C-alpha atoms as a PDB file:
ATOM      1  CA  UNK A   1       0.000   0.000   0.000  1.00  0.00           C
ATOM      2  CA  UNK A   2       1.500   3.323  -1.091  1.00  0.00           C
ATOM      3  CA  UNK A   3       2.088   5.991   1.514  1.00  0.00           C
ATOM      4  CA  UNK A   4      -0.192   8.965   1.146  1.00  0.00           C
ATOM      5  CA  UNK A   5      -0.161  12.182   3.092  1.00  0.00           C
ATOM      6  CA  UNK A   6      -3.684  12.761   4.421  1.00  0.00           C
ATOM      7  CA  UNK A   7      -3.115  16.525   4.222  1.00  0.00           C
ATOM      8  CA  UNK A   8      -2.309  16.375   0.513  1.00  0.00           C
ATOM      9  CA  UNK A   9      -4.871  18.130  -1.625  1.00  0.00           C
ATOM     10  CA  UNK A  10      -6.354  16.227  -4.537  1.00  0.00           C
ATOM     11  CA  UNK A  11      -6.418  18.014  -7.894  1.00  0.00           C
ATOM     12  CA  UNK A  12      -9.159  16.595 -10.149  1.00  0.00           C
ATOM     13  CA  UNK A  13     -10.201  18.557 -13.218  1.00  0.00           C
ATOM     14  CA  UNK A  14     -11.780  21.771 -11.969  1.00  0.00           C
ATOM     15  CA  UNK A  15     -11.730  20.829  -8.286  1.00  0.00           C
ATOM     16  CA  UNK A  16      -9.183  20.871  -5.509  1.00  0.00           C
ATOM     17  CA  UNK A  17     -10.361  18.854  -2.527  1.00  0.00           C
ATOM     18  CA  UNK A  18      -9.435  17.253   0.759  1.00  0.00           C
ATOM     19  CA  UNK A  19     -12.197  14.728   1.510  1.00  0.00           C
ATOM     20  CA  UNK A  20     -11.129  12.137   4.054  1.00  0.00           C
ATOM     21  CA  UNK A  21     -13.736   9.620   5.192  1.00  0.00           C
ATOM     22  CA  UNK A  22     -13.518   7.299   8.183  1.00  0.00           C
ATOM     23  CA  UNK A  23     -15.704   4.220   7.647  1.00  0.00           C
ATOM     24  CA  UNK A  24     -16.534   1.413  10.060  1.00  0.00           C
ATOM     25  CA  UNK A  25     -18.536  -1.565   8.827  1.00  0.00           C
ATOM     26  CA  UNK A  26     -19.345  -4.962  10.297  1.00  0.00           C
ATOM     27  CA  UNK A  27     -20.232  -8.497   9.227  1.00  0.00           C
ATOM     28  CA  UNK A  28     -23.819  -9.664   9.639  1.00  0.00           C
ATOM     29  CA  UNK A  29     -24.643 -10.354  13.294  1.00  0.00           C
ATOM     30  CA  UNK A  30     -21.184  -8.949  14.139  1.00  0.00           C
ATOM     31  CA  UNK A  31     -19.721 -12.436  13.715  1.00  0.00           C
ATOM     32  CA  UNK A  32     -15.955 -12.672  14.256  1.00  0.00           C
ATOM     33  CA  UNK A  33     -15.227 -14.043  10.780  1.00  0.00           C
ATOM     34  CA  UNK A  34     -12.624 -11.508   9.577  1.00  0.00           C
ATOM     35  CA  UNK A  35      -9.536 -13.439  10.647  1.00  0.00           C
ATOM     36  CA  UNK A  36      -6.578 -15.176   9.034  1.00  0.00           C
ATOM     37  CA  UNK A  37      -6.808 -15.722   5.284  1.00  0.00           C
ATOM     38  CA  UNK A  38     -10.221 -14.044   5.130  1.00  0.00           C
ATOM     39  CA  UNK A  39      -8.823 -10.831   6.628  1.00  0.00           C
ATOM     40  CA  UNK A  40      -5.813 -10.913   4.301  1.00  0.00           C
ATOM     41  CA  UNK A  41      -8.006 -11.412   1.242  1.00  0.00           C
ATOM     42  CA  UNK A  42     -10.406  -8.674   2.398  1.00  0.00           C
ATOM     43  CA  UNK A  43      -7.486  -6.265   2.646  1.00  0.00           C
ATOM     44  CA  UNK A  44      -6.454  -7.124  -0.931  1.00  0.00           C
ATOM     45  CA  UNK A  45     -10.010  -6.635  -2.196  1.00  0.00           C
ATOM     46  CA  UNK A  46     -10.366  -3.264  -0.477  1.00  0.00           C
ATOM     47  CA  UNK A  47      -7.014  -2.126  -1.905  1.00  0.00           C
ATOM     48  CA  UNK A  48      -8.059  -3.245  -5.406  1.00  0.00           C
ATOM     49  CA  UNK A  49     -11.403  -1.427  -5.256  1.00  0.00           C
ATOM     50  CA  UNK A  50      -9.754   1.724  -3.917  1.00  0.00           C
ATOM     51  CA  UNK A  51      -7.066   1.667  -6.614  1.00  0.00           C
ATOM     52  CA  UNK A  52      -9.623   1.150  -9.383  1.00  0.00           C
ATOM     53  CA  UNK A  53     -11.632   4.146  -8.170  1.00  0.00           C
ATOM     54  CA  UNK A  54      -8.617   6.319  -7.350  1.00  0.00           C
ATOM     55  CA  UNK A  55      -9.458   6.474  -3.653  1.00  0.00           C
ATOM     56  CA  UNK A  56      -6.369   6.767  -1.480  1.00  0.00           C
ATOM     57  CA  UNK A  57      -6.127   4.583   1.615  1.00  0.00           C
ATOM     58  CA  UNK A  58      -4.795   6.519   4.575  1.00  0.00           C
ATOM     59  CA  UNK A  59      -5.285   3.776   7.186  1.00  0.00           C
ATOM     60  CA  UNK A  60      -7.017   0.421   7.427  1.00  0.00           C
ATOM     61  CA  UNK A  61      -7.471  -2.131  10.193  1.00  0.00           C
ATOM     62  CA  UNK A  62      -9.410  -5.340   9.855  1.00  0.00           C
ATOM     63  CA  UNK A  63     -10.600  -6.629  13.205  1.00  0.00           C
ATOM     64  CA  UNK A  64     -12.359 -10.003  13.655  1.00  0.00           C
ATOM     65  CA  UNK A  65     -15.795  -8.330  13.852  1.00  0.00           C
ATOM     66  CA  UNK A  66     -15.385  -4.957  12.119  1.00  0.00           C
ATOM     67  CA  UNK A  67     -13.328  -2.961   9.638  1.00  0.00           C
ATOM     68  CA  UNK A  68     -11.909   0.554   9.982  1.00  0.00           C
ATOM     69  CA  UNK A  69     -11.142   2.242   6.675  1.00  0.00           C
ATOM     70  CA  UNK A  70      -9.841   5.794   6.388  1.00  0.00           C
ATOM     71  CA  UNK A  71      -9.669   7.003   2.805  1.00  0.00           C
ATOM     72  CA  UNK A  72      -9.300  10.121   0.706  1.00  0.00           C
ATOM     73  CA  UNK A  73     -11.948  10.263  -2.019  1.00  0.00           C
ATOM     74  CA  UNK A  74     -12.758  12.326  -5.062  1.00  0.00           C
ATOM     75  CA  UNK A  75     -15.463  14.975  -4.693  1.00  0.00           C
ATOM     76  CA  UNK A  76     -17.611  13.139  -7.255  1.00  0.00           C
ATOM     77  CA  UNK A  77     -17.838   9.988  -5.086  1.00  0.00           C
ATOM     78  CA  UNK A  78     -20.258   9.970  -2.197  1.00  0.00           C
ATOM     79  CA  UNK A  79     -19.812   7.781   0.904  1.00  0.00           C
ATOM     80  CA  UNK A  80     -22.728   5.471   0.087  1.00  0.00           C
ATOM     81  CA  UNK A  81     -21.229   4.697  -3.349  1.00  0.00           C
ATOM     82  CA  UNK A  82     -17.878   3.973  -1.748  1.00  0.00           C
ATOM     83  CA  UNK A  83     -19.347   1.559   0.809  1.00  0.00           C
ATOM     84  CA  UNK A  84     -21.570  -0.083  -1.791  1.00  0.00           C
ATOM     85  CA  UNK A  85     -18.648  -0.821  -4.123  1.00  0.00           C
ATOM     86  CA  UNK A  86     -16.382  -2.132  -1.363  1.00  0.00           C
ATOM     87  CA  UNK A  87     -19.010  -4.281   0.371  1.00  0.00           C
ATOM     88  CA  UNK A  88     -20.410  -5.670  -2.891  1.00  0.00           C
ATOM     89  CA  UNK A  89     -17.017  -6.761  -4.233  1.00  0.00           C
ATOM     90  CA  UNK A  90     -15.858  -8.119  -0.874  1.00  0.00           C
ATOM     91  CA  UNK A  91     -19.042 -10.101  -0.319  1.00  0.00           C
ATOM     92  CA  UNK A  92     -19.003 -11.624  -3.801  1.00  0.00           C
ATOM     93  CA  UNK A  93     -15.344 -12.644  -3.748  1.00  0.00           C
ATOM     94  CA  UNK A  94     -15.078 -13.733  -0.114  1.00  0.00           C
ATOM     95  CA  UNK A  95     -18.222 -15.886  -0.204  1.00  0.00           C
ATOM     96  CA  UNK A  96     -16.960 -17.630  -3.373  1.00  0.00           C
ATOM     97  CA  UNK A  97     -13.472 -18.207  -1.971  1.00  0.00           C
ATOM     98  CA  UNK A  98     -14.454 -19.081   1.615  1.00  0.00           C
ATOM     99  CA  UNK A  99     -17.553 -21.341   1.695  1.00  0.00           C
ATOM    100  CA  UNK A 100     -17.783 -21.085   5.497  1.00  0.00           C
ATOM    101  CA  UNK A 101     -19.047 -17.517   4.989  1.00  0.00           C
ATOM    102  CA  UNK A 102     -22.133 -18.881   3.240  1.00  0.00           C
ATOM    103  CA  UNK A 103     -23.511 -19.751   6.700  1.00  0.00           C
ATOM    104  CA  UNK A 104     -24.316 -16.051   7.121  1.00  0.00           C
ATOM    105  CA  UNK A 105     -27.419 -14.859   5.251  1.00  0.00           C
ATOM    106  CA  UNK A 106     -25.292 -11.972   3.902  1.00  0.00           C
ATOM    107  CA  UNK A 107     -21.707 -11.074   4.660  1.00  0.00           C
ATOM    108  CA  UNK A 108     -22.291  -7.446   5.673  1.00  0.00           C
ATOM    109  CA  UNK A 109     -24.966  -5.575   7.567  1.00  0.00           C
ATOM    110  CA  UNK A 110     -26.584  -2.878   5.415  1.00  0.00           C
ATOM    111  CA  UNK A 111     -25.452  -0.198   7.857  1.00  0.00           C
ATOM    112  CA  UNK A 112     -22.083   1.491   8.316  1.00  0.00           C
ATOM    113  CA  UNK A 113     -20.525   4.419  10.143  1.00  0.00           C
ATOM    114  CA  UNK A 114     -18.926   7.291   8.239  1.00  0.00           C
ATOM    115  CA  UNK A 115     -17.464  10.591   9.352  1.00  0.00           C
ATOM    116  CA  UNK A 116     -15.435  13.205   7.591  1.00  0.00           C
ATOM    117  CA  UNK A 117     -12.074  14.341   8.798  1.00  0.00           C
ATOM    118  CA  UNK A 118     -10.221  17.421   7.660  1.00  0.00           C
ATOM    119  CA  UNK A 119      -6.526  17.933   8.105  1.00  0.00           C
ATOM    120  CA  UNK A 120      -6.942  19.021  11.744  1.00  0.00           C
ATOM    121  CA  UNK A 121      -8.203  15.713  13.138  1.00  0.00           C
ATOM    122  CA  UNK A 122      -6.639  13.353  10.584  1.00  0.00           C
ATOM    123  CA  UNK A 123      -3.825  12.357  12.932  1.00  0.00           C
ATOM    124  CA  UNK A 124      -6.342  11.636  15.675  1.00  0.00           C
ATOM    125  CA  UNK A 125      -8.279   9.240  13.438  1.00  0.00           C
ATOM    126  CA  UNK A 126      -5.078   7.538  12.226  1.00  0.00           C
ATOM    127  CA  UNK A 127      -3.918   7.083  15.824  1.00  0.00           C
ATOM    128  CA  UNK A 128      -7.314   5.682  16.858  1.00  0.00           C
ATOM    129  CA  UNK A 129      -7.272   3.157  14.000  1.00  0.00           C
ATOM    130  CA  UNK A 130      -3.673   2.133  14.735  1.00  0.00           C
ATOM    131  CA  UNK A 131      -4.604   1.517  18.405  1.00  0.00           C
ATOM    132  CA  UNK A 132      -7.316  -1.004  17.431  1.00  0.00           C
ATOM    133  CA  UNK A 133      -4.792  -3.863  17.228  1.00  0.00           C
ATOM    134  CA  UNK A 134      -3.349  -3.260  20.691  1.00  0.00           C
END
C-alpha cells in the first residue's frame, strides 16, 4: 500500500479537494469471521477497489468483527457509493473463496458508520485506527 499524506490536496479537473472519510462496517450479526486468510483477502479486495476508483487509503485495520477504513476520495464519489462498491465486491469474492461464509445470510450488515475528517483531526483518526490492534 502506497504511503499517502492525508493533508495532501487532490487536484481533479476543476476541483481541488481534501475529503477524508472514516468508515466502520461490520459483518452480519457482528460475527468474528474476519480473521486469518479471510482478513488478508479482504485487505487485498479493499485495496483493489480503492485503486480502481482512485481512492487513497490513509489507514485500514481489519478486526475479527469490524473494519476501519480511512480514505481520501474524489469529490464526485459519495460515501454510500464507496461503501456499496467495497461491500459488494468483498461479499461476492469472499463468499466464493471461503464457503464457510455462506452460513451467514449476507456477509455485511446494510449499515455502516462514516465521518469526515479534515486535516486538523486526521492524525487523531489515524492514531485511533492504529490503536485497534493493541
